[in-house]
Amino acid sequence: MERAKTEFNPYSWNGGSVVAIAGENFVTIASDTRISQDYSIHSRATPKITELSKNLYVGVCGFHGDAQAFIKQIKSLVKDYLMNHKNKISVSSAAQLIGNTLYYRRFFPYYAYVILAGLDEQGKGAVYAYDPVGSFERVPHKSVGSGNHFIQPLLDNQIGLNHQGPEADFSNNPSEVNNFIKDVFRSVSERDIYTGDGGVIMTIGPHGESKTEFVLRHD
């Protein structure tokens, strides 16, 4: 009788989706609240976006354990930056800090797909997207997670205006962007079993932050 083979696998995939859109003077980042594995749901009320400092948020999808460890490390480094420089970290500095942190772990990487969202020094919306080993770029819009293959084409078409005329542009209207994100998540939750339960949208603008919560399907 052949022995059952076992192998070490330190990672799990806990699903969920994160979306970020940069406007002219605002940025929006959103996620669902479901944490699951295979056909089991571990939590229905765990957003995947975290505040690093005022007007600066990070969204993480992948292995929830690695995501929590990564966020804990980044929040500590952001706090150190404030103590050492006596100034809040800028979104560009935070982008480099996250890239360096992920790259440092490249031989045993965090199983985490990261999006950083904030306002840059000119007050413009900024979104940075990463791979698990720290390569990053500034992008106008991005999605990561289990619903990415459904969401990214919608972002490219509706926000990036691929195959669209300029009259269809609503990317600089925060209210319409929020409504679009809600529609996107509701559509994805019909197709992706790992995205669902609820959604959270954070909008960061010149007059502060606003939070919107909405309901997704629970099955």
N, C-alpha and C. Protein backbone atom coordinates (compact mmCIF):
# COMPACT_ATOMS: atom_id res chain seq x y z
N MET A 1 0.84 -1.20 0.00
CA MET A 1 0.00 0.00 0.00
C MET A 1 0.88 1.25 0.00
N GLU A 2 0.61 2.13 -0.93
CA GLU A 2 1.44 3.33 -1.06
C GLU A 2 1.12 4.33 0.05
N ARG A 3 2.18 4.87 0.63
CA ARG A 3 2.01 5.85 1.70
C ARG A 3 1.47 7.16 1.15
N ALA A 4 0.58 7.78 1.91
CA ALA A 4 0.06 9.09 1.51
C ALA A 4 1.18 10.12 1.58
N LYS A 5 1.31 10.92 0.55
CA LYS A 5 2.35 11.93 0.51
C LYS A 5 1.86 13.20 1.21
N THR A 6 2.74 13.77 2.00
CA THR A 6 2.43 15.05 2.64
C THR A 6 3.48 16.07 2.24
N GLU A 7 3.08 17.31 2.20
CA GLU A 7 4.03 18.37 1.88
C GLU A 7 3.69 19.60 2.71
N PHE A 8 4.72 20.38 2.98
CA PHE A 8 4.55 21.58 3.78
C PHE A 8 3.99 22.69 2.90
N ASN A 9 2.84 23.22 3.30
CA ASN A 9 2.24 24.35 2.59
C ASN A 9 1.81 25.39 3.63
N PRO A 10 2.59 26.45 3.79
CA PRO A 10 2.29 27.43 4.84
C PRO A 10 1.20 28.42 4.46
N TYR A 11 0.70 28.34 3.24
CA TYR A 11 -0.24 29.35 2.76
C TYR A 11 -1.65 28.80 2.59
N SER A 12 -2.61 29.70 2.72
CA SER A 12 -3.99 29.43 2.34
C SER A 12 -4.49 30.61 1.53
N TRP A 13 -5.54 30.40 0.75
CA TRP A 13 -6.15 31.48 -0.02
C TRP A 13 -7.50 31.78 0.61
N ASN A 14 -7.65 33.00 1.13
CA ASN A 14 -8.86 33.37 1.86
C ASN A 14 -9.79 34.29 1.09
N GLY A 15 -9.48 34.51 -0.19
CA GLY A 15 -10.41 35.18 -1.09
C GLY A 15 -10.71 36.62 -0.74
N GLY A 16 -11.79 37.12 -1.36
CA GLY A 16 -12.20 38.51 -1.19
C GLY A 16 -11.61 39.40 -2.26
N SER A 17 -12.10 40.62 -2.33
CA SER A 17 -11.69 41.55 -3.38
C SER A 17 -11.48 42.95 -2.81
N VAL A 18 -10.51 43.65 -3.40
CA VAL A 18 -10.24 45.05 -3.07
C VAL A 18 -10.18 45.84 -4.36
N VAL A 19 -10.76 47.04 -4.35
CA VAL A 19 -10.78 47.93 -5.52
C VAL A 19 -10.35 49.32 -5.08
N ALA A 20 -9.55 50.00 -5.91
CA ALA A 20 -9.19 51.39 -5.64
C ALA A 20 -9.25 52.19 -6.94
N ILE A 21 -9.74 53.42 -6.85
CA ILE A 21 -9.87 54.32 -8.00
C ILE A 21 -9.36 55.70 -7.59
N ALA A 22 -8.46 56.26 -8.38
CA ALA A 22 -7.91 57.59 -8.12
C ALA A 22 -8.63 58.63 -8.96
N GLY A 23 -9.18 59.65 -8.31
CA GLY A 23 -9.79 60.77 -9.01
C GLY A 23 -8.86 61.97 -9.04
N GLU A 24 -9.35 63.08 -9.58
CA GLU A 24 -8.52 64.28 -9.70
C GLU A 24 -8.14 64.83 -8.33
N ASN A 25 -9.07 64.86 -7.38
CA ASN A 25 -8.77 65.39 -6.04
C ASN A 25 -9.32 64.48 -4.94
N PHE A 26 -9.49 63.21 -5.25
CA PHE A 26 -9.95 62.24 -4.26
C PHE A 26 -9.48 60.85 -4.66
N VAL A 27 -9.56 59.94 -3.71
CA VAL A 27 -9.27 58.54 -4.00
C VAL A 27 -10.26 57.68 -3.23
N THR A 28 -10.68 56.59 -3.84
CA THR A 28 -11.64 55.67 -3.23
C THR A 28 -11.05 54.28 -3.17
N ILE A 29 -11.15 53.64 -2.02
CA ILE A 29 -10.71 52.25 -1.87
C ILE A 29 -11.83 51.47 -1.19
N ALA A 30 -12.08 50.26 -1.66
CA ALA A 30 -13.22 49.48 -1.16
C ALA A 30 -12.86 48.00 -1.11
N SER A 31 -13.57 47.28 -0.25
CA SER A 31 -13.40 45.83 -0.18
C SER A 31 -14.70 45.19 0.28
N ASP A 32 -14.78 43.88 0.08
CA ASP A 32 -15.87 43.13 0.70
C ASP A 32 -15.44 42.73 2.11
N THR A 33 -16.30 41.99 2.82
CA THR A 33 -16.01 41.67 4.22
C THR A 33 -15.98 40.17 4.50
N ARG A 34 -15.91 39.35 3.47
CA ARG A 34 -15.93 37.89 3.68
C ARG A 34 -14.51 37.34 3.73
N ILE A 35 -14.26 36.49 4.74
CA ILE A 35 -13.02 35.72 4.82
C ILE A 35 -13.42 34.25 4.73
N SER A 36 -12.91 33.55 3.72
CA SER A 36 -13.32 32.15 3.53
C SER A 36 -12.14 31.30 3.09
N GLN A 37 -12.36 30.01 3.11
CA GLN A 37 -11.36 29.06 2.63
C GLN A 37 -12.09 27.86 2.06
N ASP A 38 -11.80 27.56 0.81
CA ASP A 38 -12.54 26.50 0.10
C ASP A 38 -14.04 26.80 0.18
N TYR A 39 -14.81 25.92 0.82
CA TYR A 39 -16.26 26.14 0.90
C TYR A 39 -16.71 26.52 2.32
N SER A 40 -15.76 26.98 3.13
CA SER A 40 -16.09 27.40 4.50
C SER A 40 -15.91 28.91 4.63
N ILE A 41 -16.83 29.56 5.34
CA ILE A 41 -16.73 30.99 5.60
C ILE A 41 -16.28 31.17 7.05
N HIS A 42 -15.13 31.84 7.23
CA HIS A 42 -14.59 32.06 8.57
C HIS A 42 -15.13 33.34 9.21
N SER A 43 -15.38 34.35 8.39
CA SER A 43 -15.89 35.61 8.92
C SER A 43 -16.73 36.29 7.84
N ARG A 44 -17.80 36.93 8.27
CA ARG A 44 -18.65 37.69 7.35
C ARG A 44 -18.49 39.20 7.56
N ALA A 45 -17.65 39.61 8.49
CA ALA A 45 -17.57 41.04 8.84
C ALA A 45 -16.13 41.49 9.04
N THR A 46 -15.25 41.14 8.10
CA THR A 46 -13.84 41.51 8.20
C THR A 46 -13.42 42.27 6.94
N PRO A 47 -13.45 43.60 6.97
CA PRO A 47 -13.00 44.38 5.81
C PRO A 47 -11.52 44.15 5.55
N LYS A 48 -11.11 44.34 4.32
CA LYS A 48 -9.72 44.11 3.94
C LYS A 48 -8.96 45.42 3.73
N ILE A 49 -9.53 46.53 4.17
CA ILE A 49 -8.84 47.82 4.08
C ILE A 49 -8.56 48.33 5.49
N THR A 50 -7.37 48.93 5.65
CA THR A 50 -6.89 49.38 6.96
C THR A 50 -6.31 50.78 6.83
N GLU A 51 -6.58 51.62 7.82
CA GLU A 51 -6.00 52.96 7.84
C GLU A 51 -4.57 52.90 8.37
N LEU A 52 -3.61 53.43 7.59
CA LEU A 52 -2.23 53.51 8.05
C LEU A 52 -1.96 54.82 8.76
N SER A 53 -2.52 55.90 8.23
CA SER A 53 -2.47 57.22 8.87
C SER A 53 -3.59 58.04 8.24
N LYS A 54 -3.71 59.28 8.65
CA LYS A 54 -4.78 60.11 8.11
C LYS A 54 -4.64 60.22 6.59
N ASN A 55 -5.75 59.96 5.88
CA ASN A 55 -5.79 60.04 4.41
C ASN A 55 -4.92 59.00 3.71
N LEU A 56 -4.62 57.90 4.39
CA LEU A 56 -3.76 56.87 3.79
C LEU A 56 -4.28 55.49 4.20
N TYR A 57 -4.67 54.70 3.20
CA TYR A 57 -5.26 53.38 3.46
C TYR A 57 -4.57 52.31 2.62
N VAL A 58 -4.56 51.10 3.16
CA VAL A 58 -4.01 49.96 2.43
C VAL A 58 -5.07 48.86 2.40
N GLY A 59 -5.17 48.19 1.25
CA GLY A 59 -6.07 47.05 1.09
C GLY A 59 -5.26 45.82 0.76
N VAL A 60 -5.57 44.69 1.40
CA VAL A 60 -4.78 43.47 1.22
C VAL A 60 -5.69 42.27 1.03
N CYS A 61 -5.42 41.48 0.00
CA CYS A 61 -6.10 40.20 -0.24
C CYS A 61 -5.07 39.10 -0.32
N GLY A 62 -5.49 37.89 -0.01
CA GLY A 62 -4.60 36.74 -0.11
C GLY A 62 -4.80 35.82 1.06
N PHE A 63 -3.70 35.49 1.74
CA PHE A 63 -3.73 34.69 2.96
C PHE A 63 -3.94 35.63 4.14
N HIS A 64 -5.04 35.47 4.87
CA HIS A 64 -5.41 36.44 5.90
C HIS A 64 -4.35 36.54 7.00
N GLY A 65 -3.72 35.42 7.35
CA GLY A 65 -2.67 35.46 8.37
C GLY A 65 -1.51 36.33 7.94
N ASP A 66 -1.05 36.16 6.69
CA ASP A 66 0.03 37.00 6.17
C ASP A 66 -0.41 38.45 6.05
N ALA A 67 -1.66 38.67 5.64
CA ALA A 67 -2.16 40.04 5.52
C ALA A 67 -2.11 40.75 6.86
N GLN A 68 -2.53 40.07 7.94
CA GLN A 68 -2.51 40.68 9.27
C GLN A 68 -1.08 40.95 9.74
N ALA A 69 -0.17 40.00 9.48
CA ALA A 69 1.23 40.20 9.87
C ALA A 69 1.84 41.36 9.10
N PHE A 70 1.53 41.45 7.81
CA PHE A 70 2.05 42.53 6.97
C PHE A 70 1.53 43.88 7.46
N ILE A 71 0.23 43.97 7.73
CA ILE A 71 -0.36 45.24 8.18
C ILE A 71 0.23 45.66 9.52
N LYS A 72 0.41 44.71 10.43
CA LYS A 72 1.01 45.03 11.73
C LYS A 72 2.40 45.61 11.55
N GLN A 73 3.20 45.01 10.65
CA GLN A 73 4.55 45.50 10.41
C GLN A 73 4.54 46.88 9.79
N ILE A 74 3.68 47.10 8.79
CA ILE A 74 3.64 48.40 8.11
C ILE A 74 3.15 49.50 9.05
N LYS A 75 2.15 49.21 9.86
CA LYS A 75 1.67 50.22 10.81
C LYS A 75 2.76 50.61 11.80
N SER A 76 3.57 49.65 12.22
CA SER A 76 4.69 49.94 13.11
C SER A 76 5.73 50.81 12.42
N LEU A 77 6.02 50.51 11.16
CA LEU A 77 7.01 51.30 10.41
C LEU A 77 6.50 52.72 10.14
N VAL A 78 5.21 52.86 9.87
CA VAL A 78 4.63 54.19 9.66
C VAL A 78 4.70 55.00 10.95
N LYS A 79 4.48 54.35 12.09
CA LYS A 79 4.58 55.03 13.38
C LYS A 79 6.02 55.46 13.65
N ASP A 80 6.98 54.58 13.31
CA ASP A 80 8.40 54.93 13.46
C ASP A 80 8.75 56.14 12.60
N TYR A 81 8.22 56.18 11.38
CA TYR A 81 8.48 57.30 10.47
C TYR A 81 8.01 58.61 11.10
N LEU A 82 6.82 58.59 11.69
CA LEU A 82 6.28 59.79 12.32
C LEU A 82 7.16 60.25 13.48
N MET A 83 7.64 59.31 14.28
CA MET A 83 8.48 59.65 15.42
C MET A 83 9.84 60.18 14.98
N ASN A 84 10.41 59.60 13.92
CA ASN A 84 11.74 59.99 13.47
C ASN A 84 11.75 61.29 12.68
N HIS A 85 10.69 61.52 11.89
CA HIS A 85 10.66 62.67 10.98
C HIS A 85 9.75 63.79 11.47
N LYS A 86 9.01 63.53 12.55
CA LYS A 86 8.07 64.53 13.09
C LYS A 86 7.08 65.01 12.04
N ASN A 87 6.74 64.13 11.15
CA ASN A 87 5.82 64.49 10.06
C ASN A 87 5.11 63.23 9.57
N LYS A 88 3.87 63.40 9.13
CA LYS A 88 3.10 62.28 8.60
C LYS A 88 3.73 61.77 7.30
N ILE A 89 3.75 60.48 7.12
CA ILE A 89 4.35 59.90 5.92
C ILE A 89 3.51 60.24 4.70
N SER A 90 4.17 60.58 3.60
CA SER A 90 3.47 60.87 2.35
C SER A 90 3.10 59.57 1.65
N VAL A 91 2.19 59.65 0.70
CA VAL A 91 1.76 58.43 0.01
C VAL A 91 2.89 57.85 -0.82
N SER A 92 3.75 58.70 -1.40
CA SER A 92 4.87 58.18 -2.19
C SER A 92 5.91 57.49 -1.30
N SER A 93 6.17 58.06 -0.12
CA SER A 93 7.10 57.43 0.82
C SER A 93 6.53 56.11 1.35
N ALA A 94 5.23 56.10 1.63
CA ALA A 94 4.58 54.87 2.08
C ALA A 94 4.63 53.81 0.99
N ALA A 95 4.48 54.23 -0.26
CA ALA A 95 4.54 53.28 -1.38
C ALA A 95 5.90 52.60 -1.43
N GLN A 96 6.98 53.38 -1.26
CA GLN A 96 8.32 52.81 -1.28
C GLN A 96 8.55 51.93 -0.06
N LEU A 97 8.04 52.35 1.09
CA LEU A 97 8.19 51.58 2.32
C LEU A 97 7.54 50.20 2.18
N ILE A 98 6.34 50.16 1.62
CA ILE A 98 5.65 48.88 1.42
C ILE A 98 6.42 48.01 0.43
N GLY A 99 6.90 48.61 -0.66
CA GLY A 99 7.67 47.86 -1.64
C GLY A 99 8.92 47.24 -1.02
N ASN A 100 9.64 48.03 -0.20
CA ASN A 100 10.84 47.51 0.46
C ASN A 100 10.51 46.38 1.43
N THR A 101 9.40 46.53 2.16
CA THR A 101 9.00 45.51 3.14
C THR A 101 8.65 44.19 2.45
N LEU A 102 7.91 44.26 1.36
CA LEU A 102 7.57 43.04 0.62
C LEU A 102 8.81 42.41 0.00
N TYR A 103 9.71 43.24 -0.55
CA TYR A 103 10.92 42.72 -1.18
C TYR A 103 11.83 42.04 -0.17
N TYR A 104 11.89 42.59 1.04
CA TYR A 104 12.72 42.01 2.10
C TYR A 104 12.30 40.57 2.39
N ARG A 105 11.02 40.27 2.21
CA ARG A 105 10.50 38.93 2.48
C ARG A 105 10.45 38.06 1.22
N ARG A 106 11.19 38.41 0.19
CA ARG A 106 11.01 37.78 -1.13
C ARG A 106 11.33 36.28 -1.13
N PHE A 107 12.19 35.79 -0.22
CA PHE A 107 12.53 34.37 -0.21
C PHE A 107 11.48 33.53 0.54
N PHE A 108 10.66 34.17 1.32
CA PHE A 108 9.50 33.52 1.97
C PHE A 108 8.42 34.59 2.02
N PRO A 109 7.86 34.93 0.86
CA PRO A 109 7.03 36.15 0.75
C PRO A 109 5.70 36.05 1.49
N TYR A 110 5.21 37.23 1.85
CA TYR A 110 3.83 37.32 2.29
C TYR A 110 2.92 36.94 1.11
N TYR A 111 1.98 36.05 1.35
CA TYR A 111 1.01 35.72 0.30
C TYR A 111 -0.07 36.79 0.37
N ALA A 112 0.26 37.95 -0.18
CA ALA A 112 -0.61 39.12 -0.03
C ALA A 112 -0.50 39.99 -1.27
N TYR A 113 -1.65 40.39 -1.79
CA TYR A 113 -1.73 41.32 -2.91
C TYR A 113 -2.22 42.65 -2.36
N VAL A 114 -1.41 43.69 -2.55
CA VAL A 114 -1.58 44.94 -1.81
C VAL A 114 -1.95 46.09 -2.74
N ILE A 115 -2.85 46.95 -2.27
CA ILE A 115 -3.15 48.23 -2.92
C ILE A 115 -3.02 49.32 -1.86
N LEU A 116 -2.30 50.38 -2.20
CA LEU A 116 -2.18 51.56 -1.33
C LEU A 116 -2.95 52.71 -1.96
N ALA A 117 -3.71 53.44 -1.15
CA ALA A 117 -4.50 54.56 -1.66
C ALA A 117 -4.36 55.77 -0.74
N GLY A 118 -4.18 56.94 -1.34
CA GLY A 118 -4.08 58.18 -0.57
C GLY A 118 -4.05 59.37 -1.49
N LEU A 119 -3.81 60.54 -0.91
CA LEU A 119 -3.66 61.78 -1.69
C LEU A 119 -2.19 62.15 -1.74
N ASP A 120 -1.70 62.52 -2.92
CA ASP A 120 -0.29 62.89 -3.05
C ASP A 120 -0.06 64.33 -2.60
N GLU A 121 1.18 64.81 -2.79
CA GLU A 121 1.56 66.14 -2.32
C GLU A 121 0.78 67.25 -3.03
N GLN A 122 0.27 66.99 -4.21
CA GLN A 122 -0.54 67.97 -4.95
C GLN A 122 -2.04 67.83 -4.67
N GLY A 123 -2.39 66.91 -3.80
CA GLY A 123 -3.80 66.70 -3.47
C GLY A 123 -4.53 65.82 -4.47
N LYS A 124 -3.80 65.18 -5.37
CA LYS A 124 -4.42 64.29 -6.36
C LYS A 124 -4.53 62.88 -5.79
N GLY A 125 -5.54 62.15 -6.25
CA GLY A 125 -5.70 60.76 -5.83
C GLY A 125 -4.55 59.90 -6.33
N ALA A 126 -4.04 59.02 -5.46
CA ALA A 126 -2.92 58.16 -5.83
C ALA A 126 -3.24 56.72 -5.43
N VAL A 127 -3.03 55.81 -6.37
CA VAL A 127 -3.21 54.38 -6.12
C VAL A 127 -1.93 53.66 -6.54
N TYR A 128 -1.40 52.82 -5.65
CA TYR A 128 -0.22 52.02 -5.95
C TYR A 128 -0.59 50.54 -5.82
N ALA A 129 -0.16 49.76 -6.80
CA ALA A 129 -0.45 48.32 -6.83
C ALA A 129 0.85 47.53 -6.74
N TYR A 130 0.80 46.40 -6.05
CA TYR A 130 2.00 45.59 -5.75
C TYR A 130 1.79 44.14 -6.14
N ASP A 131 2.92 43.47 -6.41
CA ASP A 131 2.88 42.01 -6.44
C ASP A 131 3.45 41.51 -5.11
N PRO A 132 3.40 40.21 -4.82
CA PRO A 132 3.81 39.74 -3.49
C PRO A 132 5.28 39.96 -3.14
N VAL A 133 6.14 40.24 -4.11
CA VAL A 133 7.56 40.44 -3.79
C VAL A 133 7.99 41.89 -3.94
N GLY A 134 7.05 42.83 -3.97
CA GLY A 134 7.39 44.23 -3.82
C GLY A 134 7.47 45.08 -5.06
N SER A 135 7.34 44.50 -6.25
CA SER A 135 7.28 45.33 -7.45
C SER A 135 6.00 46.15 -7.42
N PHE A 136 6.10 47.45 -7.73
CA PHE A 136 4.90 48.28 -7.63
C PHE A 136 4.92 49.37 -8.68
N GLU A 137 3.74 49.91 -8.94
CA GLU A 137 3.59 51.03 -9.85
C GLU A 137 2.37 51.85 -9.44
N ARG A 138 2.41 53.14 -9.81
CA ARG A 138 1.25 53.99 -9.58
C ARG A 138 0.29 53.82 -10.75
N VAL A 139 -0.96 53.58 -10.44
CA VAL A 139 -1.97 53.29 -11.46
C VAL A 139 -3.22 54.13 -11.20
N PRO A 140 -4.02 54.39 -12.23
CA PRO A 140 -5.26 55.16 -12.01
C PRO A 140 -6.37 54.37 -11.33
N HIS A 141 -6.33 53.05 -11.47
CA HIS A 141 -7.35 52.19 -10.85
C HIS A 141 -6.81 50.78 -10.81
N LYS A 142 -7.28 50.00 -9.83
CA LYS A 142 -6.75 48.65 -9.69
C LYS A 142 -7.68 47.80 -8.84
N SER A 143 -7.72 46.51 -9.13
CA SER A 143 -8.40 45.56 -8.26
C SER A 143 -7.47 44.37 -8.01
N VAL A 144 -7.62 43.75 -6.85
CA VAL A 144 -6.90 42.52 -6.53
C VAL A 144 -7.86 41.58 -5.81
N GLY A 145 -7.48 40.31 -5.76
CA GLY A 145 -8.29 39.35 -5.03
C GLY A 145 -8.98 38.35 -5.93
N SER A 146 -9.87 37.57 -5.33
CA SER A 146 -10.53 36.48 -6.06
C SER A 146 -11.48 36.98 -7.14
N GLY A 147 -11.98 38.21 -7.01
CA GLY A 147 -12.87 38.77 -8.02
C GLY A 147 -12.17 39.62 -9.06
N ASN A 148 -10.83 39.63 -9.03
CA ASN A 148 -10.08 40.53 -9.90
C ASN A 148 -10.38 40.32 -11.38
N HIS A 149 -10.49 39.06 -11.82
CA HIS A 149 -10.70 38.81 -13.25
C HIS A 149 -12.08 39.26 -13.71
N PHE A 150 -13.02 39.48 -12.78
CA PHE A 150 -14.30 40.09 -13.14
C PHE A 150 -14.23 41.61 -13.07
N ILE A 151 -13.52 42.14 -12.08
CA ILE A 151 -13.55 43.58 -11.79
C ILE A 151 -12.65 44.39 -12.72
N GLN A 152 -11.42 43.91 -12.97
CA GLN A 152 -10.47 44.72 -13.72
C GLN A 152 -10.96 45.11 -15.12
N PRO A 153 -11.60 44.20 -15.86
CA PRO A 153 -12.14 44.64 -17.17
C PRO A 153 -13.19 45.74 -17.05
N LEU A 154 -14.00 45.72 -15.99
CA LEU A 154 -14.98 46.78 -15.77
C LEU A 154 -14.29 48.11 -15.47
N LEU A 155 -13.23 48.06 -14.66
CA LEU A 155 -12.48 49.27 -14.37
C LEU A 155 -11.85 49.84 -15.63
N ASP A 156 -11.25 48.96 -16.44
CA ASP A 156 -10.62 49.42 -17.68
C ASP A 156 -11.62 50.07 -18.61
N ASN A 157 -12.83 49.51 -18.65
CA ASN A 157 -13.85 50.03 -19.57
C ASN A 157 -14.54 51.27 -19.03
N GLN A 158 -14.96 51.26 -17.77
CA GLN A 158 -15.77 52.34 -17.23
C GLN A 158 -14.96 53.49 -16.65
N ILE A 159 -13.80 53.19 -16.07
CA ILE A 159 -12.95 54.22 -15.49
C ILE A 159 -11.82 54.60 -16.44
N GLY A 160 -11.16 53.58 -17.02
CA GLY A 160 -10.10 53.85 -17.99
C GLY A 160 -10.61 54.25 -19.36
N LEU A 161 -11.92 54.09 -19.59
CA LEU A 161 -12.60 54.47 -20.84
C LEU A 161 -12.04 53.74 -22.05
N ASN A 162 -11.57 52.50 -21.85
CA ASN A 162 -11.19 51.68 -23.00
C ASN A 162 -12.44 51.40 -23.83
N HIS A 163 -12.38 51.72 -25.12
CA HIS A 163 -13.51 51.53 -26.05
C HIS A 163 -14.71 52.38 -25.66
N GLN A 164 -14.46 53.52 -25.02
CA GLN A 164 -15.52 54.44 -24.62
C GLN A 164 -15.18 55.85 -25.09
N GLY A 165 -16.19 56.68 -25.22
CA GLY A 165 -15.96 58.08 -25.54
C GLY A 165 -15.78 58.90 -24.28
N PRO A 166 -15.18 60.10 -24.38
CA PRO A 166 -14.94 60.93 -23.20
C PRO A 166 -16.22 61.36 -22.49
N GLU A 167 -17.34 61.37 -23.21
CA GLU A 167 -18.60 61.78 -22.59
C GLU A 167 -19.07 60.78 -21.54
N ALA A 168 -18.48 59.58 -21.54
CA ALA A 168 -18.88 58.56 -20.56
C ALA A 168 -18.11 58.67 -19.25
N ASP A 169 -17.19 59.63 -19.15
CA ASP A 169 -16.30 59.72 -17.99
C ASP A 169 -17.03 60.22 -16.75
N PHE A 170 -17.00 59.42 -15.68
CA PHE A 170 -17.54 59.87 -14.39
C PHE A 170 -16.51 59.69 -13.28
N SER A 171 -15.24 59.46 -13.66
CA SER A 171 -14.22 59.08 -12.69
C SER A 171 -13.83 60.20 -11.74
N ASN A 172 -14.27 61.44 -12.00
CA ASN A 172 -13.97 62.54 -11.09
C ASN A 172 -15.17 62.96 -10.27
N ASN A 173 -16.19 62.11 -10.24
CA ASN A 173 -17.37 62.36 -9.42
C ASN A 173 -17.41 61.30 -8.31
N PRO A 174 -17.04 61.67 -7.07
CA PRO A 174 -16.97 60.66 -5.99
C PRO A 174 -18.26 59.90 -5.78
N SER A 175 -19.39 60.57 -5.88
CA SER A 175 -20.68 59.90 -5.66
C SER A 175 -20.94 58.84 -6.71
N GLU A 176 -20.67 59.17 -7.98
CA GLU A 176 -20.88 58.19 -9.05
C GLU A 176 -19.88 57.05 -8.96
N VAL A 177 -18.65 57.36 -8.55
CA VAL A 177 -17.65 56.30 -8.37
C VAL A 177 -18.10 55.33 -7.29
N ASN A 178 -18.63 55.85 -6.18
CA ASN A 178 -19.13 54.99 -5.12
C ASN A 178 -20.27 54.09 -5.60
N ASN A 179 -21.19 54.66 -6.36
CA ASN A 179 -22.30 53.86 -6.89
C ASN A 179 -21.79 52.78 -7.85
N PHE A 180 -20.79 53.14 -8.66
CA PHE A 180 -20.19 52.18 -9.58
C PHE A 180 -19.55 51.03 -8.81
N ILE A 181 -18.82 51.35 -7.75
CA ILE A 181 -18.16 50.31 -6.95
C ILE A 181 -19.18 49.37 -6.32
N LYS A 182 -20.27 49.92 -5.82
CA LYS A 182 -21.34 49.07 -5.26
C LYS A 182 -21.88 48.11 -6.32
N ASP A 183 -22.13 48.64 -7.52
CA ASP A 183 -22.64 47.79 -8.61
C ASP A 183 -21.64 46.69 -8.96
N VAL A 184 -20.35 47.06 -8.98
CA VAL A 184 -19.30 46.09 -9.31
C VAL A 184 -19.28 44.95 -8.29
N PHE A 185 -19.28 45.29 -7.02
CA PHE A 185 -19.23 44.25 -5.99
C PHE A 185 -20.49 43.39 -6.00
N ARG A 186 -21.64 44.00 -6.24
CA ARG A 186 -22.87 43.21 -6.30
C ARG A 186 -22.84 42.23 -7.47
N SER A 187 -22.28 42.68 -8.58
CA SER A 187 -22.16 41.78 -9.74
C SER A 187 -21.18 40.66 -9.47
N VAL A 188 -20.03 41.00 -8.88
CA VAL A 188 -19.00 39.99 -8.62
C VAL A 188 -19.49 38.96 -7.61
N SER A 189 -20.24 39.40 -6.61
CA SER A 189 -20.71 38.45 -5.59
C SER A 189 -21.68 37.42 -6.16
N GLU A 190 -22.23 37.68 -7.35
CA GLU A 190 -23.07 36.69 -8.02
C GLU A 190 -22.24 35.60 -8.70
N ARG A 191 -20.96 35.90 -8.95
CA ARG A 191 -20.11 34.98 -9.71
C ARG A 191 -18.96 34.39 -8.90
N ASP A 192 -18.52 35.09 -7.86
CA ASP A 192 -17.36 34.68 -7.08
C ASP A 192 -17.80 34.32 -5.67
N ILE A 193 -17.66 33.05 -5.29
CA ILE A 193 -18.14 32.61 -3.98
C ILE A 193 -17.29 33.16 -2.84
N TYR A 194 -16.11 33.70 -3.15
CA TYR A 194 -15.23 34.22 -2.09
C TYR A 194 -15.43 35.71 -1.83
N THR A 195 -16.28 36.36 -2.61
CA THR A 195 -16.59 37.78 -2.41
C THR A 195 -18.05 37.90 -2.00
N GLY A 196 -18.31 38.54 -0.87
CA GLY A 196 -19.70 38.65 -0.45
C GLY A 196 -19.89 39.19 0.95
N ASP A 197 -21.11 39.04 1.47
CA ASP A 197 -21.56 39.43 2.81
C ASP A 197 -21.75 40.93 2.96
N GLY A 198 -20.73 41.71 2.78
CA GLY A 198 -20.86 43.16 2.91
C GLY A 198 -19.72 43.86 2.22
N GLY A 199 -19.83 45.17 2.11
CA GLY A 199 -18.78 45.96 1.49
C GLY A 199 -18.54 47.24 2.26
N VAL A 200 -17.30 47.74 2.18
CA VAL A 200 -16.91 49.00 2.81
C VAL A 200 -16.19 49.85 1.78
N ILE A 201 -16.60 51.11 1.67
CA ILE A 201 -15.96 52.06 0.76
C ILE A 201 -15.42 53.22 1.58
N MET A 202 -14.12 53.52 1.43
CA MET A 202 -13.52 54.71 2.04
C MET A 202 -13.19 55.69 0.92
N THR A 203 -13.71 56.91 1.03
CA THR A 203 -13.42 57.97 0.07
C THR A 203 -12.63 59.06 0.79
N ILE A 204 -11.46 59.38 0.25
CA ILE A 204 -10.57 60.38 0.85
C ILE A 204 -10.51 61.56 -0.09
N GLY A 205 -10.90 62.73 0.38
CA GLY A 205 -10.94 63.92 -0.46
C GLY A 205 -10.36 65.13 0.25
N PRO A 206 -10.45 66.30 -0.38
CA PRO A 206 -9.86 67.52 0.21
C PRO A 206 -10.53 67.94 1.51
N HIS A 207 -11.75 67.50 1.75
CA HIS A 207 -12.48 67.90 2.96
C HIS A 207 -12.55 66.77 3.99
N GLY A 208 -11.72 65.75 3.82
CA GLY A 208 -11.69 64.67 4.79
C GLY A 208 -12.10 63.33 4.20
N GLU A 209 -12.47 62.42 5.08
CA GLU A 209 -12.79 61.05 4.69
C GLU A 209 -14.27 60.75 4.91
N SER A 210 -14.79 59.85 4.12
CA SER A 210 -16.16 59.37 4.34
C SER A 210 -16.18 57.86 4.16
N LYS A 211 -17.03 57.21 4.95
CA LYS A 211 -17.13 55.75 4.92
C LYS A 211 -18.54 55.35 4.54
N THR A 212 -18.64 54.41 3.60
CA THR A 212 -19.93 53.90 3.16
C THR A 212 -19.93 52.38 3.31
N GLU A 213 -20.97 51.84 3.90
CA GLU A 213 -21.12 50.39 4.02
C GLU A 213 -22.35 49.94 3.24
N PHE A 214 -22.27 48.76 2.64
CA PHE A 214 -23.40 48.23 1.88
C PHE A 214 -23.44 46.72 2.03
N VAL A 215 -24.57 46.15 1.66
CA VAL A 215 -24.81 44.72 1.87
C VAL A 215 -24.62 43.96 0.56
N LEU A 216 -23.98 42.79 0.67
CA LEU A 216 -23.85 41.87 -0.46
C LEU A 216 -24.53 40.55 -0.10
N ARG A 217 -24.65 39.67 -1.07
CA ARG A 217 -25.34 38.41 -0.80
C ARG A 217 -24.56 37.57 0.21
N HIS A 218 -25.30 36.81 1.03
CA HIS A 218 -24.72 36.07 2.14
C HIS A 218 -24.55 34.58 1.87
N ASP A 219 -24.86 34.13 0.66
CA ASP A 219 -24.72 32.69 0.40
C ASP A 219 -23.50 32.42 -0.46
